[in-house]
Amino acid sequence: MAERPPAAPLAREVEAFLAGLARTASPATLDAYRRDLAALLAFLDERGIEEWSRLDAALLRRFLGDERARGLAPRSLARRRSAISRLADHLVAAGRLAHNPVALTRAPRQPRHLPRPVDVDRLKGFLETPHDGSPLAVRDQAMLELFYSSGLRLAELAGLDLTDLQPERVRVLGKGGKPRQVPVGRHARRALDTWLALRETLAAPGETALFVGQRGTRLGHRAIQQRLALIARRRGLDEHLHPHRLRHSFASHLLESSQDLRAVQELLGHANLATTQVYTRLDWQHLAASYDAAHPRARRRTAAAPDEEPS
């Protein structure tokens, strides 16, 4: 007798949820959520659970506990929990659950590991290292310059179309499908113009992607990561280089020069200022000093005036 597919009725609802998510989420997020929910389905199947109405906080705590016991990292556990929460919201809207049980579970504490920004002078020398002028080298230089010039995420750069590029700015689609426009610096603009003059030598007819590979189609995330690592080795940069590190360098270097946290927040596309604070490695003392210096009722005195009582 053929084996029953794991939690078949449940799997159908997961696929419906993922199909809807695909309209706004990046391919990387979609793949990660698919793995997370596959783990949940396997867990439920082992316990003979075939109805979403039986999914409660106790069951989820047991699932997350099992995942932690088998060595899953806190970051991965947090993503598992996030995937299940978004699925639960979908199930509540579809009438399969009365409420979202994830809210009754505790999110795992995550260590804050921030990428170290590349030194300004070191990065300048790296970007100005001559290349062989081939179409691939010209394309790679344009990607490097745009990453650092505009602080783009990997998915944002990979998803760019020709129509997104304007003379002094570029339109990107951020997390959650939220669009924003960011400036393009003169070095990046020059590198992009050089690439656009050669793009037709690689691009397939009708391809809309700004950056294409040797097959003429849109360059994928993994290919971009591999090219950056390869260029770093070839140019003698004895540090691991990846897109997020260039984005972090962009934010750190800009903040060091401008001291404008809000501007950096907007350029990075962060919905929450606290995210930018962590991302740029600002500490509480810096924020407190800015508050004290700017707010008329927050400035502190070293001593009370003679005719005033200490507060």
Protein backbone atom coordinates (compact mmCIF):
# COMPACT_ATOMS: atom_id res chain seq x y z
CA MET A 1 0.00 0.00 0.00
CA ALA A 2 1.36 3.44 -0.89
CA GLU A 3 2.51 5.60 2.00
CA ARG A 4 0.36 8.55 2.96
CA PRO A 5 1.99 11.90 2.10
CA PRO A 6 3.03 13.75 5.28
CA ALA A 7 0.06 15.73 6.63
CA ALA A 8 -1.46 16.02 3.15
CA PRO A 9 -4.38 18.30 4.10
CA LEU A 10 -2.02 20.56 6.00
CA ALA A 11 0.52 20.65 3.16
CA ARG A 12 -2.08 22.01 0.74
CA GLU A 13 -2.72 25.00 2.99
CA VAL A 14 1.02 25.61 3.33
CA GLU A 15 1.39 25.64 -0.46
CA ALA A 16 -1.47 28.11 -0.76
CA PHE A 17 0.21 30.35 1.81
CA LEU A 18 3.59 30.17 0.04
CA ALA A 19 1.97 30.95 -3.32
CA GLY A 20 0.57 34.16 -1.86
CA LEU A 21 3.85 35.00 -0.17
CA ALA A 22 5.72 34.66 -3.46
CA ARG A 23 4.11 37.87 -4.71
CA THR A 24 6.04 40.02 -2.21
CA ALA A 25 8.84 37.97 -0.63
CA SER A 26 12.31 37.49 -2.06
CA PRO A 27 13.24 34.04 -3.45
CA ALA A 28 15.62 33.53 -0.51
CA THR A 29 12.87 34.23 2.04
CA LEU A 30 10.47 31.98 0.18
CA ASP A 31 12.95 29.08 0.13
CA ALA A 32 13.72 29.54 3.83
CA TYR A 33 10.04 29.61 4.80
CA ARG A 34 9.40 26.52 2.70
CA ARG A 35 12.08 24.64 4.66
CA ASP A 36 10.78 25.95 7.98
CA LEU A 37 7.20 24.91 7.29
CA ALA A 38 8.30 21.54 5.91
CA ALA A 39 9.92 20.89 9.30
CA LEU A 40 6.65 21.82 11.03
CA LEU A 41 4.64 19.54 8.74
CA ALA A 42 6.97 16.61 9.48
CA PHE A 43 6.61 17.27 13.21
CA LEU A 44 2.81 17.34 12.97
CA ASP A 45 2.71 14.24 10.79
CA GLU A 46 4.74 12.26 13.32
CA ARG A 47 2.03 13.02 15.85
CA GLY A 48 -0.85 12.18 13.53
CA ILE A 49 -2.17 15.73 13.47
CA GLU A 50 -4.20 16.47 10.32
CA GLU A 51 -6.21 19.53 11.32
CA TRP A 52 -4.87 23.05 11.78
CA SER A 53 -7.36 23.61 14.61
CA ARG A 54 -5.14 21.41 16.80
CA LEU A 55 -2.17 23.75 16.43
CA ASP A 56 -1.76 25.49 19.78
CA ALA A 57 0.99 27.21 21.77
CA ALA A 58 1.92 24.06 23.71
CA LEU A 59 2.46 22.14 20.50
CA LEU A 60 4.54 24.95 19.03
CA ARG A 61 6.69 25.18 22.15
CA ARG A 62 7.36 21.46 21.85
CA PHE A 63 8.27 21.84 18.17
CA LEU A 64 10.63 24.75 18.77
CA GLY A 65 12.11 22.95 21.78
CA ASP A 66 12.84 19.89 19.64
CA GLU A 67 14.44 22.08 16.98
CA ARG A 68 16.62 23.76 19.62
CA ALA A 69 17.59 20.38 21.09
CA ARG A 70 18.84 19.15 17.74
CA GLY A 71 21.16 22.14 17.48
CA LEU A 72 19.27 24.72 15.43
CA ALA A 73 20.81 28.19 15.88
CA PRO A 74 18.81 30.99 17.56
CA ARG A 75 18.59 32.91 14.28
CA SER A 76 17.13 29.87 12.50
CA LEU A 77 14.73 29.22 15.38
CA ALA A 78 13.53 32.82 15.18
CA ARG A 79 12.92 32.45 11.45
CA ARG A 80 11.02 29.17 12.06
CA ARG A 81 8.82 31.01 14.53
CA SER A 82 8.31 33.92 12.12
CA ALA A 83 7.35 31.59 9.26
CA ILE A 84 4.82 29.80 11.44
CA SER A 85 3.39 33.09 12.69
CA ARG A 86 2.81 34.34 9.16
CA LEU A 87 1.25 31.00 8.21
CA ALA A 88 -0.97 31.19 11.30
CA ASP A 89 -2.18 34.67 10.29
CA HIS A 90 -3.09 33.18 6.90
CA LEU A 91 -4.94 30.31 8.62
CA VAL A 92 -6.87 32.69 10.89
CA ALA A 93 -7.96 34.70 7.84
CA ALA A 94 -9.01 31.47 6.11
CA GLY A 95 -11.01 30.33 9.14
CA ARG A 96 -8.76 27.35 9.91
CA LEU A 97 -7.57 28.77 13.26
CA ALA A 98 -9.37 30.84 15.88
CA HIS A 99 -6.25 32.84 16.76
CA ASN A 100 -2.50 32.95 16.14
CA PRO A 101 -0.89 30.72 18.83
CA VAL A 102 2.64 31.93 18.05
CA ALA A 103 2.02 35.08 20.12
CA LEU A 104 1.96 32.83 23.22
CA THR A 105 5.45 31.47 22.56
CA ARG A 106 8.70 33.20 23.43
CA ALA A 107 11.07 34.32 20.71
CA PRO A 108 14.60 32.93 21.12
CA ARG A 109 17.23 35.39 22.26
CA GLN A 110 19.60 36.16 19.41
CA PRO A 111 23.20 37.28 19.66
CA ARG A 112 23.93 40.45 17.70
CA HIS A 113 26.63 39.64 15.19
CA LEU A 114 27.31 42.65 13.00
CA PRO A 115 29.59 42.54 9.99
CA ARG A 116 32.70 44.67 10.43
CA PRO A 117 32.77 47.50 7.89
CA VAL A 118 35.72 47.59 5.54
CA ASP A 119 38.09 50.46 6.29
CA VAL A 120 37.32 53.52 4.12
CA ASP A 121 40.79 53.81 2.59
CA ARG A 122 41.09 50.08 2.12
CA LEU A 123 37.73 49.91 0.36
CA LYS A 124 38.63 52.90 -1.83
CA GLY A 125 41.82 51.19 -2.97
CA PHE A 126 39.92 47.96 -3.60
CA LEU A 127 37.28 49.66 -5.75
CA GLU A 128 39.90 51.58 -7.74
CA THR A 129 41.98 48.48 -8.55
CA PRO A 130 42.16 48.17 -12.38
CA HIS A 131 40.42 45.23 -14.08
CA ASP A 132 40.80 43.64 -17.52
CA GLY A 133 37.93 45.57 -19.17
CA SER A 134 35.99 42.46 -20.20
CA PRO A 135 32.16 42.62 -20.12
CA LEU A 136 32.08 40.46 -16.98
CA ALA A 137 34.68 42.60 -15.22
CA VAL A 138 32.84 45.80 -16.20
CA ARG A 139 29.57 44.33 -14.93
CA ASP A 140 31.17 43.28 -11.65
CA GLN A 141 32.66 46.73 -11.15
CA ALA A 142 29.24 48.30 -11.67
CA MET A 143 27.71 45.94 -9.09
CA LEU A 144 30.44 46.70 -6.55
CA GLU A 145 30.10 50.43 -6.97
CA LEU A 146 26.30 50.31 -6.76
CA PHE A 147 26.33 48.15 -3.62
CA TYR A 148 28.62 50.60 -1.86
CA SER A 149 27.18 53.79 -3.39
CA SER A 150 23.55 53.06 -2.53
CA GLY A 151 23.62 50.53 0.31
CA LEU A 152 21.48 47.98 -1.51
CA ARG A 153 20.52 44.57 -0.21
CA LEU A 154 21.50 41.56 -2.31
CA ALA A 155 17.88 40.89 -3.33
CA GLU A 156 17.38 44.56 -4.23
CA LEU A 157 20.37 44.67 -6.57
CA ALA A 158 19.57 41.30 -8.15
CA GLY A 159 15.99 42.40 -8.82
CA LEU A 160 16.87 45.63 -10.62
CA ASP A 161 15.53 46.17 -14.14
CA LEU A 162 16.83 48.64 -16.72
CA THR A 163 13.80 50.84 -16.12
CA ASP A 164 14.69 51.19 -12.42
CA LEU A 165 17.85 53.12 -13.21
CA GLN A 166 17.60 56.90 -13.54
CA PRO A 167 20.37 59.48 -14.05
CA GLU A 168 21.05 60.17 -10.37
CA ARG A 169 19.02 57.59 -8.49
CA VAL A 170 17.75 54.05 -8.62
CA ARG A 171 14.36 52.64 -7.66
CA VAL A 172 14.53 49.44 -5.60
CA LEU A 173 11.94 47.09 -4.17
CA GLY A 174 12.76 46.51 -0.52
CA LYS A 175 11.51 44.05 2.06
CA GLY A 176 7.78 43.44 1.95
CA GLY A 177 7.62 44.83 -1.58
CA LYS A 178 8.12 48.39 -0.28
CA PRO A 179 9.66 50.62 -3.00
CA ARG A 180 12.16 53.39 -2.32
CA GLN A 181 14.54 55.55 -4.30
CA VAL A 182 18.20 55.95 -3.38
CA PRO A 183 20.91 58.19 -4.84
CA VAL A 184 23.60 56.83 -7.16
CA GLY A 185 27.04 58.35 -6.65
CA ARG A 186 29.18 59.60 -9.53
CA HIS A 187 31.62 56.67 -9.39
CA ALA A 188 28.73 54.21 -9.48
CA ARG A 189 27.05 56.17 -12.29
CA ARG A 190 30.23 56.09 -14.35
CA ALA A 191 30.64 52.34 -13.77
CA LEU A 192 27.00 51.73 -14.69
CA ASP A 193 27.30 53.73 -17.92
CA THR A 194 30.33 51.66 -18.90
CA TRP A 195 28.39 48.47 -18.18
CA LEU A 196 25.30 49.61 -20.10
CA ALA A 197 27.47 50.21 -23.17
CA LEU A 198 28.57 46.54 -23.04
CA ARG A 199 25.42 44.90 -21.67
CA GLU A 200 24.11 43.93 -25.11
CA THR A 201 27.12 41.65 -25.61
CA LEU A 202 25.76 39.39 -22.84
CA ALA A 203 22.02 40.06 -22.49
CA ALA A 204 19.49 37.79 -24.18
CA PRO A 205 16.90 39.47 -26.43
CA GLY A 206 14.07 40.93 -24.38
CA GLU A 207 15.86 40.48 -21.04
CA THR A 208 14.91 43.35 -18.70
CA ALA A 209 17.39 42.69 -15.87
CA LEU A 210 20.05 45.32 -15.28
CA PHE A 211 22.67 42.71 -14.41
CA VAL A 212 22.86 39.54 -16.48
CA GLY A 213 25.11 36.49 -16.52
CA GLN A 214 26.92 34.67 -19.31
CA ARG A 215 23.67 32.95 -20.31
CA GLY A 216 22.11 36.33 -20.91
CA THR A 217 19.55 36.09 -18.14
CA ARG A 218 19.18 37.78 -14.76
CA LEU A 219 22.12 37.19 -12.45
CA GLY A 220 21.09 35.17 -9.39
CA HIS A 221 21.86 35.81 -5.73
CA ARG A 222 24.39 33.02 -5.40
CA ALA A 223 26.24 34.08 -8.55
CA ILE A 224 26.56 37.64 -7.25
CA GLN A 225 27.92 36.42 -3.91
CA GLN A 226 30.45 34.19 -5.66
CA ARG A 227 31.62 36.99 -7.95
CA LEU A 228 32.22 39.34 -5.03
CA ALA A 229 34.23 36.72 -3.17
CA LEU A 230 36.26 35.98 -6.32
CA ILE A 231 37.01 39.66 -6.98
CA ALA A 232 38.13 40.12 -3.38
CA ARG A 233 40.67 37.31 -3.78
CA ARG A 234 41.89 38.54 -7.15
CA ARG A 235 42.38 42.09 -5.88
CA GLY A 236 44.20 40.98 -2.77
CA LEU A 237 41.56 41.95 -0.22
CA ASP A 238 42.41 39.60 2.63
CA GLU A 239 38.91 39.84 4.08
CA HIS A 240 35.70 38.03 3.20
CA LEU A 241 33.56 40.33 1.07
CA HIS A 242 29.83 39.83 0.65
CA PRO A 243 26.91 42.13 -0.28
CA HIS A 244 25.77 42.71 3.28
CA ARG A 245 29.25 43.81 4.31
CA LEU A 246 29.28 46.43 1.55
CA ARG A 247 25.85 47.61 2.71
CA HIS A 248 27.12 47.84 6.28
CA SER A 249 30.21 49.74 5.13
CA PHE A 250 27.96 52.16 3.24
CA ALA A 251 25.88 52.82 6.37
CA SER A 252 28.83 53.10 8.74
CA HIS A 253 30.89 55.39 6.51
CA LEU A 254 27.90 57.62 5.74
CA LEU A 255 26.97 57.91 9.40
CA GLU A 256 30.54 58.73 10.40
CA SER A 257 30.52 61.64 7.95
CA SER A 258 26.97 62.94 8.30
CA GLN A 259 25.89 61.96 11.84
CA ASP A 260 22.37 61.87 10.37
CA LEU A 261 20.77 58.70 11.65
CA ARG A 262 17.36 59.44 10.10
CA ALA A 263 18.86 59.92 6.64
CA VAL A 264 20.73 56.63 6.92
CA GLN A 265 17.50 54.96 8.05
CA GLU A 266 15.68 56.20 4.94
CA LEU A 267 18.49 55.21 2.59
CA LEU A 268 18.68 51.71 4.04
CA GLY A 269 14.91 51.28 3.88
CA HIS A 270 14.51 50.44 7.57
CA ALA A 271 10.99 50.79 8.94
CA ASN A 272 12.28 51.03 12.51
CA LEU A 273 14.99 53.42 13.72
CA ALA A 274 16.17 50.80 16.23
CA THR A 275 17.16 48.57 13.33
CA THR A 276 19.38 51.31 11.94
CA GLN A 277 20.87 51.94 15.38
CA VAL A 278 22.03 48.34 15.59
CA TYR A 279 23.04 48.19 11.95
CA THR A 280 25.34 51.18 12.22
CA ARG A 281 26.67 50.17 15.64
CA LEU A 282 25.44 53.28 17.38
CA ASP A 283 25.19 52.94 21.14
CA TRP A 284 22.80 54.42 23.64
CA GLN A 285 25.29 57.03 24.76
CA HIS A 286 25.42 58.54 21.26
CA LEU A 287 21.63 58.74 21.05
CA ALA A 288 21.40 60.21 24.55
CA ALA A 289 24.01 62.85 23.72
CA SER A 290 22.11 63.81 20.57
CA TYR A 291 18.88 64.07 22.58
CA ASP A 292 20.50 66.20 25.26
CA ALA A 293 22.01 68.51 22.66
CA ALA A 294 18.83 68.97 20.63
CA HIS A 295 15.79 68.84 22.92
CA PRO A 296 15.06 72.16 24.68
CA ARG A 297 13.81 70.46 27.86
CA ALA A 298 16.44 67.75 27.96
CA ARG A 299 19.65 69.75 28.26
CA ARG A 300 21.38 68.91 31.48
CA ARG A 301 23.18 71.35 33.74
CA THR A 302 26.28 70.50 35.75
CA ALA A 303 24.91 72.51 38.69
CA ALA A 304 21.71 74.32 39.57
CA ALA A 305 21.57 78.10 39.15
CA PRO A 306 21.77 80.07 42.46
CA ASP A 307 18.06 80.92 42.46
CA GLU A 308 16.92 77.47 41.45
CA GLU A 309 16.44 74.30 43.42
CA PRO A 310 18.14 71.16 42.14
CA SER A 311 15.73 69.00 40.19
